[in-house]
C-alpha atoms as a PDB file:
ATOM      1  CA  UNK A   1     104.608 109.431  91.250  1.00  0.00           C
ATOM      2  CA  UNK A   2     101.755 111.889  90.797  1.00  0.00           C
ATOM      3  CA  UNK A   3      98.912 110.324  88.819  1.00  0.00           C
ATOM      4  CA  UNK A   4      97.988 112.486  85.862  1.00  0.00           C
ATOM      5  CA  UNK A   5      95.519 110.253  84.037  1.00  0.00           C
ATOM      6  CA  UNK A   6      92.389 108.214  84.594  1.00  0.00           C
ATOM      7  CA  UNK A   7      93.643 104.731  83.711  1.00  0.00           C
ATOM      8  CA  UNK A   8      96.276 102.497  85.283  1.00  0.00           C
ATOM      9  CA  UNK A   9      97.419  99.152  83.954  1.00  0.00           C
ATOM     10  CA  UNK A  10      98.807  96.952  86.710  1.00  0.00           C
ATOM     11  CA  UNK A  11     100.909  94.082  85.371  1.00  0.00           C
ATOM     12  CA  UNK A  12     102.262  91.541  87.844  1.00  0.00           C
ATOM     13  CA  UNK A  13     104.292  88.370  87.348  1.00  0.00           C
ATOM     14  CA  UNK A  14     106.882  85.987  88.668  1.00  0.00           C
ATOM     15  CA  UNK A  15     110.029  84.942  86.834  1.00  0.00           C
ATOM     16  CA  UNK A  16     112.193  81.829  87.048  1.00  0.00           C
ATOM     17  CA  UNK A  17     114.907  82.449  89.650  1.00  0.00           C
ATOM     18  CA  UNK A  18     117.727  81.731  87.207  1.00  0.00           C
ATOM     19  CA  UNK A  19     116.307  84.383  84.816  1.00  0.00           C
ATOM     20  CA  UNK A  20     115.846  87.203  87.343  1.00  0.00           C
ATOM     21  CA  UNK A  21     118.942  89.139  86.262  1.00  0.00           C
ATOM     22  CA  UNK A  22     118.047  89.191  82.562  1.00  0.00           C
ATOM     23  CA  UNK A  23     114.375  89.815  83.436  1.00  0.00           C
ATOM     24  CA  UNK A  24     115.220  93.009  85.322  1.00  0.00           C
ATOM     25  CA  UNK A  25     117.826  94.141  82.804  1.00  0.00           C
ATOM     26  CA  UNK A  26     115.546  93.700  79.788  1.00  0.00           C
ATOM     27  CA  UNK A  27     112.503  95.103  81.602  1.00  0.00           C
ATOM     28  CA  UNK A  28     114.357  98.269  82.641  1.00  0.00           C
ATOM     29  CA  UNK A  29     116.584  98.818  79.604  1.00  0.00           C
ATOM     30  CA  UNK A  30     114.372  97.632  76.733  1.00  0.00           C
ATOM     31  CA  UNK A  31     110.762  96.753  77.566  1.00  0.00           C
ATOM     32  CA  UNK A  32     109.684  99.811  79.568  1.00  0.00           C
ATOM     33  CA  UNK A  33     111.526 102.298  77.312  1.00  0.00           C
ATOM     34  CA  UNK A  34     109.788 100.822  74.249  1.00  0.00           C
ATOM     35  CA  UNK A  35     106.363 100.963  75.914  1.00  0.00           C
ATOM     36  CA  UNK A  36     106.953 104.585  76.932  1.00  0.00           C
ATOM     37  CA  UNK A  37     107.255 105.427  73.216  1.00  0.00           C
ATOM     38  CA  UNK A  38     103.676 104.239  72.607  1.00  0.00           C
ATOM     39  CA  UNK A  39     101.274 107.177  72.185  1.00  0.00           C
ATOM     40  CA  UNK A  40      99.073 107.381  75.265  1.00  0.00           C
ATOM     41  CA  UNK A  41     101.539 105.728  77.668  1.00  0.00           C
ATOM     42  CA  UNK A  42     102.450 108.477  80.116  1.00  0.00           C
ATOM     43  CA  UNK A  43     104.604 106.739  82.698  1.00  0.00           C
ATOM     44  CA  UNK A  44     105.763 103.407  84.019  1.00  0.00           C
ATOM     45  CA  UNK A  45     107.141 102.354  87.372  1.00  0.00           C
ATOM     46  CA  UNK A  46     108.256  98.933  88.630  1.00  0.00           C
ATOM     47  CA  UNK A  47     108.188  97.329  92.051  1.00  0.00           C
ATOM     48  CA  UNK A  48     109.190  94.105  93.768  1.00  0.00           C
ATOM     49  CA  UNK A  49     106.847  92.620  96.363  1.00  0.00           C
ATOM     50  CA  UNK A  50     107.989  92.691  99.955  1.00  0.00           C
ATOM     51  CA  UNK A  51     107.688  89.348 101.773  1.00  0.00           C
ATOM     52  CA  UNK A  52     105.343  90.743 104.414  1.00  0.00           C
ATOM     53  CA  UNK A  53     103.862  93.953 105.727  1.00  0.00           C
ATOM     54  CA  UNK A  54     102.590  95.070 109.122  1.00  0.00           C
ATOM     55  CA  UNK A  55      99.790  97.611 109.104  1.00  0.00           C
ATOM     56  CA  UNK A  56      98.186  99.350 112.074  1.00  0.00           C
ATOM     57  CA  UNK A  57      94.430  98.753 111.821  1.00  0.00           C
ATOM     58  CA  UNK A  58      91.941  99.475 114.575  1.00  0.00           C
ATOM     59  CA  UNK A  59      94.712 100.033 117.101  1.00  0.00           C
ATOM     60  CA  UNK A  60      96.481  96.739 116.412  1.00  0.00           C
ATOM     61  CA  UNK A  61      99.307  95.660 114.148  1.00  0.00           C
ATOM     62  CA  UNK A  62      98.092  93.259 111.478  1.00  0.00           C
ATOM     63  CA  UNK A  63     100.634  91.043 109.679  1.00  0.00           C
ATOM     64  CA  UNK A  64     100.059  90.224 106.022  1.00  0.00           C
ATOM     65  CA  UNK A  65     102.136  87.777 104.020  1.00  0.00           C
ATOM     66  CA  UNK A  66     101.652  87.431 100.274  1.00  0.00           C
ATOM     67  CA  UNK A  67     103.542  84.314  99.170  1.00  0.00           C
ATOM     68  CA  UNK A  68     101.031  83.570  96.381  1.00  0.00           C
ATOM     69  CA  UNK A  69     101.107  87.071  94.934  1.00  0.00           C
ATOM     70  CA  UNK A  70     103.424  87.759  91.979  1.00  0.00           C
ATOM     71  CA  UNK A  71     106.848  89.073  92.970  1.00  0.00           C
ATOM     72  CA  UNK A  72     107.106  91.846  90.369  1.00  0.00           C
ATOM     73  CA  UNK A  73     104.720  94.621  89.416  1.00  0.00           C
ATOM     74  CA  UNK A  74     104.703  97.358  86.813  1.00  0.00           C
ATOM     75  CA  UNK A  75     102.217 100.207  86.798  1.00  0.00           C
ATOM     76  CA  UNK A  76     101.570 101.969  83.502  1.00  0.00           C
ATOM     77  CA  UNK A  77      99.746 105.249  83.434  1.00  0.00           C
ATOM     78  CA  UNK A  78      97.757 105.417  80.174  1.00  0.00           C
ATOM     79  CA  UNK A  79      95.379 107.865  78.511  1.00  0.00           C
ATOM     80  CA  UNK A  80      92.646 105.327  77.767  1.00  0.00           C
ATOM     81  CA  UNK A  81      92.069 101.570  77.331  1.00  0.00           C
ATOM     82  CA  UNK A  82      92.454 101.802  73.529  1.00  0.00           C
ATOM     83  CA  UNK A  83      96.196 102.324  74.030  1.00  0.00           C
ATOM     84  CA  UNK A  84      96.456  98.646  74.988  1.00  0.00           C
ATOM     85  CA  UNK A  85      94.842  97.533  71.716  1.00  0.00           C
ATOM     86  CA  UNK A  86      96.836  99.812  69.463  1.00  0.00           C
ATOM     87  CA  UNK A  87      99.243  98.655  66.778  1.00  0.00           C
ATOM     88  CA  UNK A  88     101.977 100.646  68.511  1.00  0.00           C
ATOM     89  CA  UNK A  89     101.443  98.748  71.779  1.00  0.00           C
ATOM     90  CA  UNK A  90     101.302  95.391  69.966  1.00  0.00           C
ATOM     91  CA  UNK A  91     104.594  96.157  68.212  1.00  0.00           C
ATOM     92  CA  UNK A  92     106.319  97.509  71.344  1.00  0.00           C
ATOM     93  CA  UNK A  93     105.696  94.354  73.395  1.00  0.00           C
ATOM     94  CA  UNK A  94     107.456  92.274  70.722  1.00  0.00           C
ATOM     95  CA  UNK A  95     110.648  94.360  70.442  1.00  0.00           C
ATOM     96  CA  UNK A  96     114.046  93.251  71.715  1.00  0.00           C
ATOM     97  CA  UNK A  97     114.849  90.286  73.915  1.00  0.00           C
ATOM     98  CA  UNK A  98     111.558  90.326  75.841  1.00  0.00           C
ATOM     99  CA  UNK A  99     109.528  87.913  73.625  1.00  0.00           C
ATOM    100  CA  UNK A 100     112.125  85.126  73.379  1.00  0.00           C
ATOM    101  CA  UNK A 101     114.529  85.538  76.295  1.00  0.00           C
ATOM    102  CA  UNK A 102     112.205  86.766  79.047  1.00  0.00           C
ATOM    103  CA  UNK A 103     108.466  86.217  78.469  1.00  0.00           C
ATOM    104  CA  UNK A 104     108.754  82.379  78.249  1.00  0.00           C
ATOM    105  CA  UNK A 105     110.261  82.345  81.756  1.00  0.00           C
ATOM    106  CA  UNK A 106     107.508  84.402  83.387  1.00  0.00           C
ATOM    107  CA  UNK A 107     104.509  82.884  85.142  1.00  0.00           C
ATOM    108  CA  UNK A 108     101.636  83.803  87.433  1.00  0.00           C
ATOM    109  CA  UNK A 109     100.968  86.764  85.132  1.00  0.00           C
ATOM    110  CA  UNK A 110      98.153  89.107  86.110  1.00  0.00           C
ATOM    111  CA  UNK A 111      97.092  92.201  84.235  1.00  0.00           C
ATOM    112  CA  UNK A 112      94.385  94.498  85.531  1.00  0.00           C
ATOM    113  CA  UNK A 113      93.164  97.803  84.116  1.00  0.00           C
ATOM    114  CA  UNK A 114      91.890 100.341  86.654  1.00  0.00           C
ATOM    115  CA  UNK A 115      89.670 103.251  85.660  1.00  0.00           C
ATOM    116  CA  UNK A 116      87.891 106.096  87.400  1.00  0.00           C
ATOM    117  CA  UNK A 117      85.162 105.526  89.944  1.00  0.00           C
ATOM    118  CA  UNK A 118      82.017 107.082  88.599  1.00  0.00           C
END
């Protein structure tokens, strides 16, 4: 995914195990498509955390495990921080099954906005 903007919203969360199927279905088929209609939202991509990673650092393999980190992540490429406060964004996050059938079953939610280094 080439990055074409200066701001990234990183949203991470866990979901109840018995709600994982509907979580992924609604996220992919409803939630992300609605957010991509918001002016200033350029792209979105989702990921699932891997249980561990080995990285070569200083000539040695280092093992990292992230059990406390949220399992799911979405990265939104946005024009500017005002997008997140817009009426269009506020409306989009309340459309479909997300507010009643998914959001109540999420936890460990973390949202971070990244901007340019100046």
